[in-house]
C-alpha atoms as a PDB file:
ATOM      1  CA  MET A   1     -19.012 -80.776  11.343  1.00  0.00           C
ATOM      2  CA  MET A   2     -18.381 -77.497  13.127  1.00  0.00           C
ATOM      3  CA  LEU A   3     -16.265 -77.856  16.247  1.00  0.00           C
ATOM      4  CA  GLY A   4     -16.103 -75.396  19.116  1.00  0.00           C
ATOM      5  CA  ARG A   5     -18.446 -72.498  19.616  1.00  0.00           C
ATOM      6  CA  GLN A   6     -20.267 -70.538  16.952  1.00  0.00           C
ATOM      7  CA  LYS A   7     -19.168 -66.908  17.053  1.00  0.00           C
ATOM      8  CA  ASN A   8     -20.352 -63.501  15.963  1.00  0.00           C
ATOM      9  CA  ARG A   9     -17.880 -62.606  13.207  1.00  0.00           C
ATOM     10  CA  THR A  10     -18.521 -58.851  13.189  1.00  0.00           C
ATOM     11  CA  GLY A  11     -16.855 -56.005  15.002  1.00  0.00           C
ATOM     12  CA  LEU A  12     -13.546 -57.755  15.704  1.00  0.00           C
ATOM     13  CA  ARG A  13     -11.291 -55.469  17.662  1.00  0.00           C
ATOM     14  CA  ALA A  14      -7.872 -54.430  16.384  1.00  0.00           C
ATOM     15  CA  GLY A  15      -4.863 -54.850  18.622  1.00  0.00           C
ATOM     16  CA  ALA A  16      -4.222 -58.438  19.589  1.00  0.00           C
ATOM     17  CA  VAL A  17      -3.973 -59.464  23.200  1.00  0.00           C
ATOM     18  CA  LEU A  18      -1.217 -61.986  23.758  1.00  0.00           C
ATOM     19  CA  ALA A  19      -1.469 -62.995  27.395  1.00  0.00           C
ATOM     20  CA  VAL A  20       1.190 -65.667  27.218  1.00  0.00           C
ATOM     21  CA  SER A  21       1.920 -67.652  30.339  1.00  0.00           C
ATOM     22  CA  ALA A  22       5.049 -69.589  29.427  1.00  0.00           C
ATOM     23  CA  LEU A  23       4.959 -72.134  32.204  1.00  0.00           C
ATOM     24  CA  ALA A  24       7.379 -75.009  32.611  1.00  0.00           C
ATOM     25  CA  LEU A  25       5.081 -77.494  34.288  1.00  0.00           C
ATOM     26  CA  THR A  26       6.195 -80.249  36.596  1.00  0.00           C
ATOM     27  CA  ALA A  27       4.709 -83.718  36.561  1.00  0.00           C
ATOM     28  CA  CYS A  28       2.591 -82.854  39.583  1.00  0.00           C
ATOM     29  CA  GLY A  29       0.677 -80.640  37.210  1.00  0.00           C
ATOM     30  CA  ASN A  30      -0.875 -77.294  36.645  1.00  0.00           C
ATOM     31  CA  ASP A  31      -4.557 -76.653  36.180  1.00  0.00           C
ATOM     32  CA  GLY A  32      -3.866 -74.931  32.836  1.00  0.00           C
ATOM     33  CA  GLY A  33      -6.161 -72.080  33.684  1.00  0.00           C
ATOM     34  CA  ASP A  34      -9.365 -70.950  32.032  1.00  0.00           C
ATOM     35  CA  GLY A  35      -8.525 -68.959  28.968  1.00  0.00           C
ATOM     36  CA  GLY A  36     -11.871 -67.155  29.122  1.00  0.00           C
ATOM     37  CA  SER A  37     -12.784 -68.177  25.568  1.00  0.00           C
ATOM     38  CA  ALA A  38     -16.054 -67.509  23.780  1.00  0.00           C
ATOM     39  CA  ALA A  39     -16.308 -64.207  25.619  1.00  0.00           C
ATOM     40  CA  GLU A  40     -17.005 -60.711  24.406  1.00  0.00           C
ATOM     41  CA  GLY A  41     -14.511 -57.927  24.991  1.00  0.00           C
ATOM     42  CA  GLY A  42     -15.444 -54.807  26.859  1.00  0.00           C
ATOM     43  CA  ASP A  43     -16.383 -53.086  23.596  1.00  0.00           C
ATOM     44  CA  GLY A  44     -18.652 -55.951  22.518  1.00  0.00           C
ATOM     45  CA  SER A  45     -16.118 -57.518  20.147  1.00  0.00           C
ATOM     46  CA  GLU A  46     -15.376 -61.243  20.083  1.00  0.00           C
ATOM     47  CA  SER A  47     -12.439 -62.653  22.005  1.00  0.00           C
ATOM     48  CA  TYR A  48     -10.744 -66.033  21.621  1.00  0.00           C
ATOM     49  CA  SER A  49      -8.515 -68.273  23.699  1.00  0.00           C
ATOM     50  CA  ILE A  50      -5.875 -70.693  22.381  1.00  0.00           C
ATOM     51  CA  GLY A  51      -4.045 -73.225  24.513  1.00  0.00           C
ATOM     52  CA  VAL A  52      -0.486 -73.927  23.320  1.00  0.00           C
ATOM     53  CA  SER A  53       1.263 -77.136  24.397  1.00  0.00           C
ATOM     54  CA  GLN A  54       4.986 -77.299  23.516  1.00  0.00           C
ATOM     55  CA  PHE A  55       6.816 -80.552  24.227  1.00  0.00           C
ATOM     56  CA  LEU A  56      10.188 -78.994  25.038  1.00  0.00           C
ATOM     57  CA  SER A  57      12.411 -76.033  24.270  1.00  0.00           C
ATOM     58  CA  HIS A  58      14.919 -76.094  21.460  1.00  0.00           C
ATOM     59  CA  ALA A  59      15.561 -73.686  18.620  1.00  0.00           C
ATOM     60  CA  SER A  60      13.232 -75.187  16.002  1.00  0.00           C
ATOM     61  CA  LEU A  61      10.231 -75.691  18.287  1.00  0.00           C
ATOM     62  CA  ASP A  62      10.752 -72.254  19.818  1.00  0.00           C
ATOM     63  CA  ALA A  63      10.825 -70.771  16.308  1.00  0.00           C
ATOM     64  CA  ALA A  64       7.570 -72.540  15.389  1.00  0.00           C
ATOM     65  CA  ARG A  65       5.892 -71.127  18.481  1.00  0.00           C
ATOM     66  CA  ALA A  66       7.293 -67.645  17.824  1.00  0.00           C
ATOM     67  CA  GLY A  67       6.059 -67.707  14.227  1.00  0.00           C
ATOM     68  CA  PHE A  68       2.602 -68.723  15.425  1.00  0.00           C
ATOM     69  CA  GLU A  69       2.513 -65.998  18.083  1.00  0.00           C
ATOM     70  CA  THR A  70       3.676 -63.293  15.697  1.00  0.00           C
ATOM     71  CA  ARG A  71       1.078 -64.124  13.061  1.00  0.00           C
ATOM     72  CA  ILE A  72      -1.662 -64.231  15.718  1.00  0.00           C
ATOM     73  CA  GLU A  73      -0.581 -60.806  16.963  1.00  0.00           C
ATOM     74  CA  GLU A  74      -0.514 -59.460  13.412  1.00  0.00           C
ATOM     75  CA  SER A  75      -4.103 -60.616  12.887  1.00  0.00           C
ATOM     76  CA  GLY A  76      -5.387 -57.756  15.037  1.00  0.00           C
ATOM     77  CA  LEU A  77      -7.864 -60.042  16.803  1.00  0.00           C
ATOM     78  CA  ASP A  78      -8.463 -60.239  20.545  1.00  0.00           C
ATOM     79  CA  ILE A  79      -6.749 -63.587  21.178  1.00  0.00           C
ATOM     80  CA  THR A  80      -5.287 -64.843  24.436  1.00  0.00           C
ATOM     81  CA  LEU A  81      -2.585 -67.521  24.284  1.00  0.00           C
ATOM     82  CA  ASP A  82      -2.091 -69.889  27.222  1.00  0.00           C
ATOM     83  CA  VAL A  83       1.401 -71.292  26.515  1.00  0.00           C
ATOM     84  CA  GLN A  84       2.679 -74.265  28.497  1.00  0.00           C
ATOM     85  CA  ASN A  85       5.862 -76.307  28.062  1.00  0.00           C
ATOM     86  CA  ALA A  86       6.347 -79.922  29.150  1.00  0.00           C
ATOM     87  CA  GLN A  87      10.161 -79.546  29.069  1.00  0.00           C
ATOM     88  CA  GLY A  88      10.493 -82.972  27.465  1.00  0.00           C
ATOM     89  CA  ASP A  89       8.528 -84.862  30.131  1.00  0.00           C
ATOM     90  CA  GLN A  90       5.725 -87.044  28.732  1.00  0.00           C
ATOM     91  CA  ALA A  91       3.809 -87.114  32.019  1.00  0.00           C
ATOM     92  CA  THR A  92       3.782 -83.321  32.035  1.00  0.00           C
ATOM     93  CA  ALA A  93       2.597 -83.269  28.416  1.00  0.00           C
ATOM     94  CA  ASN A  94      -0.280 -85.518  29.504  1.00  0.00           C
ATOM     95  CA  THR A  95      -1.090 -83.131  32.349  1.00  0.00           C
ATOM     96  CA  ILE A  96      -1.122 -80.157  29.988  1.00  0.00           C
ATOM     97  CA  ALA A  97      -3.432 -81.963  27.570  1.00  0.00           C
ATOM     98  CA  GLY A  98      -5.776 -82.884  30.419  1.00  0.00           C
ATOM     99  CA  SER A  99      -5.885 -79.324  31.684  1.00  0.00           C
ATOM    100  CA  PHE A 100      -6.618 -77.990  28.201  1.00  0.00           C
ATOM    101  CA  ALA A 101      -9.394 -80.576  27.787  1.00  0.00           C
ATOM    102  CA  SER A 102     -11.228 -79.080  30.772  1.00  0.00           C
ATOM    103  CA  ALA A 103     -10.343 -75.460  29.999  1.00  0.00           C
ATOM    104  CA  ASP A 104     -12.533 -73.122  28.004  1.00  0.00           C
ATOM    105  CA  HIS A 105     -10.228 -72.746  25.018  1.00  0.00           C
ATOM    106  CA  ASP A 106     -11.522 -72.231  21.485  1.00  0.00           C
ATOM    107  CA  LEU A 107      -8.579 -74.059  19.916  1.00  0.00           C
ATOM    108  CA  VAL A 108      -5.453 -75.932  21.015  1.00  0.00           C
ATOM    109  CA  LEU A 109      -2.045 -75.863  19.318  1.00  0.00           C
ATOM    110  CA  ALA A 110       0.348 -78.754  19.995  1.00  0.00           C
ATOM    111  CA  ILE A 111       4.022 -78.318  19.069  1.00  0.00           C
ATOM    112  CA  ALA A 112       5.926 -81.558  18.289  1.00  0.00           C
ATOM    113  CA  THR A 113       4.626 -85.104  17.908  1.00  0.00           C
ATOM    114  CA  PRO A 114       4.470 -86.184  21.592  1.00  0.00           C
ATOM    115  CA  SER A 115       2.404 -83.144  22.564  1.00  0.00           C
ATOM    116  CA  ALA A 116       0.191 -83.569  19.501  1.00  0.00           C
ATOM    117  CA  GLN A 117      -0.538 -87.196  20.347  1.00  0.00           C
ATOM    118  CA  THR A 118      -1.507 -86.432  23.942  1.00  0.00           C
ATOM    119  CA  ALA A 119      -3.637 -83.455  22.895  1.00  0.00           C
ATOM    120  CA  ALA A 120      -5.433 -85.475  20.217  1.00  0.00           C
ATOM    121  CA  GLN A 121      -6.248 -88.214  22.714  1.00  0.00           C
ATOM    122  CA  ALA A 122      -7.477 -85.867  25.444  1.00  0.00           C
ATOM    123  CA  ILE A 123      -9.298 -83.182  23.442  1.00  0.00           C
ATOM    124  CA  THR A 124     -12.179 -84.144  21.173  1.00  0.00           C
ATOM    125  CA  ASP A 125     -14.655 -81.273  21.379  1.00  0.00           C
ATOM    126  CA  VAL A 126     -12.571 -78.327  20.112  1.00  0.00           C
ATOM    127  CA  PRO A 127     -10.163 -78.038  17.165  1.00  0.00           C
ATOM    128  CA  VAL A 128      -6.575 -79.195  17.733  1.00  0.00           C
ATOM    129  CA  LEU A 129      -3.796 -77.983  15.448  1.00  0.00           C
ATOM    130  CA  PHE A 130      -0.292 -79.419  15.421  1.00  0.00           C
ATOM    131  CA  THR A 131       3.010 -78.190  14.056  1.00  0.00           C
ATOM    132  CA  ALA A 132       6.526 -79.671  13.852  1.00  0.00           C
ATOM    133  CA  VAL A 133       5.076 -83.154  13.341  1.00  0.00           C
ATOM    134  CA  THR A 134       6.939 -85.291  10.804  1.00  0.00           C
ATOM    135  CA  ASP A 135       4.341 -87.899   9.829  1.00  0.00           C
ATOM    136  CA  PRO A 136       0.822 -87.196  11.148  1.00  0.00           C
ATOM    137  CA  VAL A 137      -0.569 -90.440   9.711  1.00  0.00           C
ATOM    138  CA  SER A 138       2.012 -92.695  11.375  1.00  0.00           C
ATOM    139  CA  ALA A 139       1.465 -90.756  14.602  1.00  0.00           C
ATOM    140  CA  SER A 140      -2.281 -91.596  14.353  1.00  0.00           C
ATOM    141  CA  LEU A 141      -3.220 -87.941  14.385  1.00  0.00           C
ATOM    142  CA  VAL A 142      -5.144 -87.927  11.088  1.00  0.00           C
ATOM    143  CA  GLU A 143      -6.757 -90.486   8.815  1.00  0.00           C
ATOM    144  CA  SER A 144      -4.843 -89.052   5.877  1.00  0.00           C
ATOM    145  CA  ASN A 145      -2.964 -85.861   5.144  1.00  0.00           C
ATOM    146  CA  GLU A 146      -5.502 -84.953   2.473  1.00  0.00           C
ATOM    147  CA  ALA A 147      -8.601 -85.596   4.624  1.00  0.00           C
ATOM    148  CA  PRO A 148      -7.783 -85.604   8.364  1.00  0.00           C
ATOM    149  CA  GLY A 149     -11.305 -86.720   9.255  1.00  0.00           C
ATOM    150  CA  GLY A 150     -11.543 -85.524  12.870  1.00  0.00           C
ATOM    151  CA  ASN A 151     -10.918 -82.466  15.009  1.00  0.00           C
ATOM    152  CA  VAL A 152      -7.143 -82.541  14.404  1.00  0.00           C
ATOM    153  CA  THR A 153      -5.027 -81.116  11.565  1.00  0.00           C
ATOM    154  CA  GLY A 154      -1.984 -78.895  11.194  1.00  0.00           C
ATOM    155  CA  THR A 155       1.430 -78.550   9.580  1.00  0.00           C
ATOM    156  CA  SER A 156       4.154 -81.133   9.018  1.00  0.00           C
ATOM    157  CA  ASP A 157       7.907 -80.596   9.146  1.00  0.00           C
ATOM    158  CA  ALA A 158       8.665 -83.639   6.972  1.00  0.00           C
ATOM    159  CA  ASN A 159      12.243 -83.115   5.888  1.00  0.00           C
ATOM    160  CA  PRO A 160      13.972 -84.004   2.581  1.00  0.00           C
ATOM    161  CA  VAL A 161      16.146 -86.852   3.906  1.00  0.00           C
ATOM    162  CA  LEU A 162      17.429 -87.949   0.499  1.00  0.00           C
ATOM    163  CA  GLU A 163      18.639 -84.452  -0.332  1.00  0.00           C
ATOM    164  CA  GLN A 164      20.194 -84.109   3.126  1.00  0.00           C
ATOM    165  CA  LEU A 165      22.175 -87.344   2.824  1.00  0.00           C
ATOM    166  CA  THR A 166      23.161 -86.395  -0.712  1.00  0.00           C
ATOM    167  CA  LEU A 167      24.986 -83.446   0.847  1.00  0.00           C
ATOM    168  CA  LEU A 168      27.075 -85.946   2.794  1.00  0.00           C
ATOM    169  CA  THR A 169      28.193 -87.686  -0.397  1.00  0.00           C
ATOM    170  CA  GLU A 170      29.368 -84.306  -1.690  1.00  0.00           C
ATOM    171  CA  LEU A 171      31.167 -83.441   1.551  1.00  0.00           C
ATOM    172  CA  ASP A 172      32.829 -86.850   1.896  1.00  0.00           C
ATOM    173  CA  PRO A 173      32.594 -88.993  -1.262  1.00  0.00           C
ATOM    174  CA  GLU A 174      34.406 -91.828   0.516  1.00  0.00           C
ATOM    175  CA  ALA A 175      31.845 -92.129   3.321  1.00  0.00           C
ATOM    176  CA  THR A 176      30.029 -95.465   3.468  1.00  0.00           C
ATOM    177  CA  THR A 177      28.428 -95.616   6.929  1.00  0.00           C
ATOM    178  CA  VAL A 178      26.178 -93.082   8.659  1.00  0.00           C
ATOM    179  CA  GLY A 179      25.382 -93.224  12.363  1.00  0.00           C
ATOM    180  CA  VAL A 180      21.916 -92.151  13.530  1.00  0.00           C
ATOM    181  CA  VAL A 181      21.008 -91.573  17.179  1.00  0.00           C
ATOM    182  CA  TYR A 182      17.261 -91.354  17.753  1.00  0.00           C
ATOM    183  CA  SER A 183      14.556 -91.791  20.384  1.00  0.00           C
ATOM    184  CA  SER A 184      12.922 -95.208  20.320  1.00  0.00           C
ATOM    185  CA  GLY A 185       9.736 -93.705  21.762  1.00  0.00           C
ATOM    186  CA  GLU A 186       9.226 -90.966  19.159  1.00  0.00           C
ATOM    187  CA  VAL A 187       7.191 -92.065  16.145  1.00  0.00           C
ATOM    188  CA  ASN A 188       8.482 -89.140  14.103  1.00  0.00           C
ATOM    189  CA  SER A 189      12.050 -90.345  14.632  1.00  0.00           C
ATOM    190  CA  GLU A 190      11.294 -93.941  13.694  1.00  0.00           C
ATOM    191  CA  VAL A 191       9.728 -92.718  10.456  1.00  0.00           C
ATOM    192  CA  GLN A 192      12.778 -90.607   9.611  1.00  0.00           C
ATOM    193  CA  VAL A 193      15.143 -93.510  10.228  1.00  0.00           C
ATOM    194  CA  GLU A 194      13.151 -95.566   7.718  1.00  0.00           C
ATOM    195  CA  TRP A 195      13.384 -92.684   5.251  1.00  0.00           C
ATOM    196  CA  ALA A 196      17.127 -92.493   5.907  1.00  0.00           C
ATOM    197  CA  LYS A 197      17.535 -96.211   5.206  1.00  0.00           C
ATOM    198  CA  GLU A 198      15.713 -95.854   1.901  1.00  0.00           C
ATOM    199  CA  ALA A 199      17.805 -92.829   0.937  1.00  0.00           C
ATOM    200  CA  ALA A 200      21.020 -94.532   2.039  1.00  0.00           C
ATOM    201  CA  GLU A 201      20.315 -97.558  -0.114  1.00  0.00           C
ATOM    202  CA  GLU A 202      19.845 -95.294  -3.116  1.00  0.00           C
ATOM    203  CA  LEU A 203      23.110 -93.489  -2.346  1.00  0.00           C
ATOM    204  CA  GLY A 204      25.162 -96.582  -1.567  1.00  0.00           C
ATOM    205  CA  LEU A 205      25.377 -95.810   2.150  1.00  0.00           C
ATOM    206  CA  GLU A 206      24.660 -97.906   5.244  1.00  0.00           C
ATOM    207  CA  ILE A 207      22.705 -96.610   8.265  1.00  0.00           C
ATOM    208  CA  VAL A 208      23.924 -97.702  11.703  1.00  0.00           C
ATOM    209  CA  GLU A 209      21.415 -97.052  14.495  1.00  0.00           C
ATOM    210  CA  ALA A 210      21.653 -96.267  18.202  1.00  0.00           C
ATOM    211  CA  THR A 211      18.522 -95.547  20.243  1.00  0.00           C
ATOM    212  CA  VAL A 212      17.943 -93.517  23.393  1.00  0.00           C
ATOM    213  CA  SER A 213      15.000 -93.013  25.722  1.00  0.00           C
ATOM    214  CA  ASN A 214      16.016 -89.497  26.807  1.00  0.00           C
ATOM    215  CA  SER A 215      18.640 -86.834  26.142  1.00  0.00           C
ATOM    216  CA  SER A 216      20.921 -88.024  28.956  1.00  0.00           C
ATOM    217  CA  GLU A 217      21.675 -91.190  26.944  1.00  0.00           C
ATOM    218  CA  VAL A 218      22.860 -89.404  23.800  1.00  0.00           C
ATOM    219  CA  GLN A 219      26.552 -89.441  24.766  1.00  0.00           C
ATOM    220  CA  GLN A 220      26.564 -93.183  25.380  1.00  0.00           C
ATOM    221  CA  ALA A 221      24.663 -93.856  22.159  1.00  0.00           C
ATOM    222  CA  ALA A 222      27.064 -91.717  20.150  1.00  0.00           C
ATOM    223  CA  ASN A 223      30.052 -93.485  21.670  1.00  0.00           C
ATOM    224  CA  SER A 224      28.590 -96.821  20.554  1.00  0.00           C
ATOM    225  CA  LEU A 225      28.769 -95.655  16.932  1.00  0.00           C
ATOM    226  CA  SER A 226      32.535 -95.876  16.885  1.00  0.00           C
ATOM    227  CA  ASP A 227      33.115 -96.922  13.268  1.00  0.00           C
ATOM    228  CA  VAL A 228      30.787 -94.637  11.287  1.00  0.00           C
ATOM    229  CA  ASP A 229      31.992 -92.118   8.711  1.00  0.00           C
ATOM    230  CA  ALA A 230      29.377 -89.476   9.521  1.00  0.00           C
ATOM    231  CA  LEU A 231      26.478 -88.668  11.852  1.00  0.00           C
ATOM    232  CA  TYR A 232      22.930 -87.793  10.789  1.00  0.00           C
ATOM    233  CA  VAL A 233      20.547 -86.151  13.274  1.00  0.00           C
ATOM    234  CA  PRO A 234      16.809 -86.413  12.514  1.00  0.00           C
ATOM    235  CA  THR A 235      14.273 -83.952  13.907  1.00  0.00           C
ATOM    236  CA  ASP A 236      14.238 -85.890  17.148  1.00  0.00           C
ATOM    237  CA  ASN A 237      13.278 -83.747  20.144  1.00  0.00           C
ATOM    238  CA  ALA A 238      15.418 -85.488  22.766  1.00  0.00           C
ATOM    239  CA  VAL A 239      18.463 -85.783  20.521  1.00  0.00           C
ATOM    240  CA  VAL A 240      18.310 -82.236  19.151  1.00  0.00           C
ATOM    241  CA  SER A 241      18.094 -80.898  22.702  1.00  0.00           C
ATOM    242  CA  ALA A 242      21.477 -82.599  23.291  1.00  0.00           C
ATOM    243  CA  LEU A 243      22.951 -81.671  19.911  1.00  0.00           C
ATOM    244  CA  GLU A 244      26.126 -80.199  21.375  1.00  0.00           C
ATOM    245  CA  THR A 245      27.015 -83.680  22.651  1.00  0.00           C
ATOM    246  CA  LEU A 246      26.936 -85.078  19.116  1.00  0.00           C
ATOM    247  CA  ILE A 247      28.812 -82.071  17.768  1.00  0.00           C
ATOM    248  CA  GLY A 248      31.580 -82.775  20.266  1.00  0.00           C
ATOM    249  CA  VAL A 249      31.755 -86.422  19.167  1.00  0.00           C
ATOM    250  CA  ALA A 250      31.901 -85.417  15.488  1.00  0.00           C
ATOM    251  CA  GLN A 251      34.707 -82.943  16.179  1.00  0.00           C
ATOM    252  CA  GLU A 252      36.669 -85.479  18.200  1.00  0.00           C
ATOM    253  CA  ARG A 253      36.417 -88.122  15.472  1.00  0.00           C
ATOM    254  CA  GLN A 254      36.775 -85.641  12.612  1.00  0.00           C
ATOM    255  CA  ILE A 255      33.608 -86.762  10.847  1.00  0.00           C
ATOM    256  CA  PRO A 256      30.795 -84.570   9.461  1.00  0.00           C
ATOM    257  CA  LEU A 257      27.482 -84.150  11.256  1.00  0.00           C
ATOM    258  CA  ILE A 258      24.448 -83.572   9.035  1.00  0.00           C
ATOM    259  CA  PRO A 259      21.351 -82.432  10.960  1.00  0.00           C
ATOM    260  CA  ALA A 260      17.812 -82.273   9.622  1.00  0.00           C
ATOM    261  CA  GLU A 261      17.175 -78.665  10.710  1.00  0.00           C
ATOM    262  CA  GLY A 262      18.660 -75.348   9.706  1.00  0.00           C
ATOM    263  CA  ASP A 263      18.713 -74.252  13.344  1.00  0.00           C
ATOM    264  CA  SER A 264      20.961 -77.220  14.125  1.00  0.00           C
ATOM    265  CA  VAL A 265      23.406 -76.112  11.425  1.00  0.00           C
ATOM    266  CA  GLU A 266      23.553 -72.731  13.112  1.00  0.00           C
ATOM    267  CA  ARG A 267      24.312 -74.523  16.385  1.00  0.00           C
ATOM    268  CA  GLY A 268      27.258 -76.400  14.879  1.00  0.00           C
ATOM    269  CA  GLY A 269      26.143 -78.919  12.244  1.00  0.00           C
ATOM    270  CA  VAL A 270      27.873 -78.865   8.858  1.00  0.00           C
ATOM    271  CA  ALA A 271      25.058 -78.541   6.318  1.00  0.00           C
ATOM    272  CA  THR A 272      21.448 -79.423   5.556  1.00  0.00           C
ATOM    273  CA  TYR A 273      18.378 -78.671   3.528  1.00  0.00           C
ATOM    274  CA  GLY A 274      15.991 -77.376   6.175  1.00  0.00           C
ATOM    275  CA  LEU A 275      12.599 -75.770   6.642  1.00  0.00           C
ATOM    276  CA  SER A 276      11.929 -72.421   8.274  1.00  0.00           C
ATOM    277  CA  TYR A 277      10.143 -73.287  11.514  1.00  0.00           C
ATOM    278  CA  ASP A 278       9.184 -69.652  11.957  1.00  0.00           C
ATOM    279  CA  GLN A 279       7.336 -69.797   8.638  1.00  0.00           C
ATOM    280  CA  LEU A 280       5.838 -73.163   9.575  1.00  0.00           C
ATOM    281  CA  GLY A 281       4.436 -71.676  12.783  1.00  0.00           C
ATOM    282  CA  ALA A 282       3.020 -68.706  10.895  1.00  0.00           C
ATOM    283  CA  GLN A 283       1.372 -71.060   8.400  1.00  0.00           C
ATOM    284  CA  THR A 284      -0.214 -72.941  11.307  1.00  0.00           C
ATOM    285  CA  ALA A 285      -1.512 -69.655  12.708  1.00  0.00           C
ATOM    286  CA  ASP A 286      -3.180 -68.939   9.364  1.00  0.00           C
ATOM    287  CA  MET A 287      -5.008 -72.264   9.718  1.00  0.00           C
ATOM    288  CA  ALA A 288      -6.048 -71.326  13.261  1.00  0.00           C
ATOM    289  CA  LEU A 289      -7.436 -67.993  12.069  1.00  0.00           C
ATOM    290  CA  ARG A 290      -9.496 -69.710   9.369  1.00  0.00           C
ATOM    291  CA  ILE A 291     -10.976 -72.024  12.000  1.00  0.00           C
ATOM    292  CA  LEU A 292     -11.733 -69.251  14.495  1.00  0.00           C
ATOM    293  CA  THR A 293     -13.062 -66.578  12.149  1.00  0.00           C
ATOM    294  CA  GLU A 294     -14.354 -68.489   9.111  1.00  0.00           C
ATOM    295  CA  GLY A 295     -15.636 -71.676  10.710  1.00  0.00           C
ATOM    296  CA  ALA A 296     -13.214 -73.907   8.792  1.00  0.00           C
ATOM    297  CA  ASP A 297     -13.522 -77.581   9.753  1.00  0.00           C
ATOM    298  CA  PRO A 298     -10.286 -79.410  10.708  1.00  0.00           C
ATOM    299  CA  ALA A 299     -11.758 -82.652   9.343  1.00  0.00           C
ATOM    300  CA  THR A 300     -11.575 -81.286   5.805  1.00  0.00           C
ATOM    301  CA  MET A 301      -8.458 -79.092   6.136  1.00  0.00           C
ATOM    302  CA  PRO A 302      -5.494 -80.959   4.573  1.00  0.00           C
ATOM    303  CA  VAL A 303      -2.256 -81.151   6.501  1.00  0.00           C
ATOM    304  CA  GLU A 304       0.065 -78.442   5.174  1.00  0.00           C
ATOM    305  CA  THR A 305       3.845 -78.238   4.874  1.00  0.00           C
ATOM    306  CA  LEU A 306       6.520 -75.980   3.444  1.00  0.00           C
ATOM    307  CA  THR A 307       7.556 -77.188   0.017  1.00  0.00           C
ATOM    308  CA  GLU A 308      10.818 -75.295  -0.561  1.00  0.00           C
ATOM    309  CA  PRO A 309      13.605 -76.215   1.880  1.00  0.00           C
ATOM    310  CA  GLU A 310      16.624 -73.936   2.067  1.00  0.00           C
ATOM    311  CA  LEU A 311      20.306 -74.880   2.040  1.00  0.00           C
ATOM    312  CA  TYR A 312      22.200 -74.101   5.251  1.00  0.00           C
ATOM    313  CA  VAL A 313      26.003 -74.462   5.544  1.00  0.00           C
ATOM    314  CA  ASN A 314      28.408 -73.788   8.399  1.00  0.00           C
ATOM    315  CA  PRO A 315      32.023 -73.501   7.168  1.00  0.00           C
ATOM    316  CA  ALA A 316      33.435 -73.080  10.694  1.00  0.00           C
ATOM    317  CA  ALA A 317      31.684 -76.226  11.894  1.00  0.00           C
ATOM    318  CA  ALA A 318      32.953 -78.115   8.871  1.00  0.00           C
ATOM    319  CA  GLU A 319      36.539 -77.036   9.587  1.00  0.00           C
ATOM    320  CA  ALA A 320      36.184 -78.136  13.230  1.00  0.00           C
ATOM    321  CA  MET A 321      35.120 -81.589  11.985  1.00  0.00           C
ATOM    322  CA  GLY A 322      37.899 -81.878   9.416  1.00  0.00           C
ATOM    323  CA  VAL A 323      35.555 -81.377   6.461  1.00  0.00           C
ATOM    324  CA  GLU A 324      35.791 -78.884   3.615  1.00  0.00           C
ATOM    325  CA  ILE A 325      32.566 -77.566   2.157  1.00  0.00           C
ATOM    326  CA  PRO A 326      32.875 -77.240  -1.640  1.00  0.00           C
ATOM    327  CA  GLN A 327      32.769 -73.641  -2.790  1.00  0.00           C
ATOM    328  CA  SER A 328      29.947 -74.532  -5.160  1.00  0.00           C
ATOM    329  CA  MET A 329      27.835 -75.597  -2.182  1.00  0.00           C
ATOM    330  CA  ILE A 330      28.608 -72.365  -0.336  1.00  0.00           C
ATOM    331  CA  ASP A 331      27.708 -70.342  -3.412  1.00  0.00           C
ATOM    332  CA  GLU A 332      24.398 -72.196  -3.694  1.00  0.00           C
ATOM    333  CA  ALA A 333      23.505 -71.868  -0.003  1.00  0.00           C
ATOM    334  CA  ASP A 334      20.591 -69.756   1.175  1.00  0.00           C
ATOM    335  CA  HIS A 335      22.221 -69.375   4.609  1.00  0.00           C
ATOM    336  CA  VAL A 336      25.949 -69.372   5.318  1.00  0.00           C
ATOM    337  CA  VAL A 337      26.523 -69.338   9.077  1.00  0.00           C
ATOM    338  CA  GLY A 338      28.992 -66.610   9.998  1.00  0.00           C
ATOM    339  CA  GLN A 339      28.249 -64.587   6.877  1.00  0.00           C
ATOM    340  CA  GLU A 340      24.745 -63.401   7.732  1.00  0.00           C
END
């Protein structure tokens, strides 16, 4: 099936137009605006409009959006981006999705699982792409990663949990318990905790859980994990936005903190195998361009991901947490914070 509007593919104008309205909406809403899609430019070339719904601001999601925007600009097409940010509020994410459903966009990009779920529910007549979604199937966004089956597809940031927890065993061979703070309302987080339990069993570790409903509860949840030997932070939007709270706890207790994102290592985590969210966003933009200019059908476009995570280490953070990173790990690292 071909979603959206059929377009004249000839005479596309060079010089992208990125009219980005980065709006932090409130729950009372914003009409989202009419992107003016399916219109011809003044020189008769085709123009496009993309609505972008980002769940909240933190380094990884911002990088995914930036990678998407850069690749769109590099395409040389006349594309307007209507960027809106829910700032972590689900009601606002719903409002954004509703406004995009009634807007005249040619395609919608949703960044992070909560925004993707609301967009998929509200928008059925134009293509919806997602990025920074851990498990699209568990989030009910696609029928399968190989054959999405509807108007929704995109890129996953599924992270190598086993490899990440293996780093912990190298940093602290005597560690036996790992504390995980995560949002009970985020499907992507629940999936990662299950992955962590499976990896922990293989590595002889025990996962101890503490859940939160928003970022303001992270401190209390971390304090409840008083007897763990390390902290693991999944790609949980609410928790990552309060990462400095967990870093402070890890420093106070002199235990390592292993995040699931390279950006979080740069913010003060010890080490991880992480994906480049900038590259992930660019890869999602390539999918968007195939839909807009080649008529690609999201129903038959497999969910994509990056397959080669990179090793990030932060020696200063490790020292602050009473941990020594083996020199062999530093030598192997793709990114050494403080030496780049």
